[in-house]
Amino acid sequence: MTIDRIWSGWRSAYVADEAAGERRRADRGETGPSVFTRLLESGLPDTETHIVHRGPTCVVVMNAYPYTTGHLLVLPYREVADLDDLTAEERTELWTTTQTAVGVVRAAFAPDGVNVGMNLGRASGGSVPNHLHVHVVPRWTGDSNFMTAIADTQTLPEALSVSADKVRTHWT
């Protein structure tokens, strides 16, 4: 049996660009907050930042570079790089919120399946390695997105704000 592979170079370019940006910041001695911390401290309304849920220690935000419509990120407010760095309260809320996010994604988008995962550390593909986050990605049968593979273009059927509104409607 052979496995067909379709190249999705746009994603590696994004990760490399983010990693290069982080390295440039580090080379300049800038150890400032992660993109998530900057977002959380921006003072902008949640409707502009696409934050869809705030809990005591964790927050849920629409991914600005989604794999599919409805791609959520669940993360602690506190900037930590590894699971071992979480407090017991953060760990409990992170997984409880992730479980709720899966249910919300199912209710809001009716996908055929859902991917849940984390990339811990830069080598794992984590583009924000200093602020762990859980991806909740709705998936549909046949959603390999041929446009990305052949045209270096991603098609998303709705704006992030529309997806965010759907998620907020289903969050309890």
Foldseek 3Di string as FASTA:
>chain_A
DDDDDFDQVLLVVVLVVLVVVVVVCVVVVHPDDFPLLCLVPVPDDCLVQQWQDDDPFKTKGADPDAPAQLKIKIFGNDFAQDPVPDDPVRNVCSVVVLVLSLVLCCVLPVAPDWDKDWQHDSVSSDSGRRTTIIIIHGHHVPPPQVCSRPVVDGDYPDDSSVSSVSSNVSRD
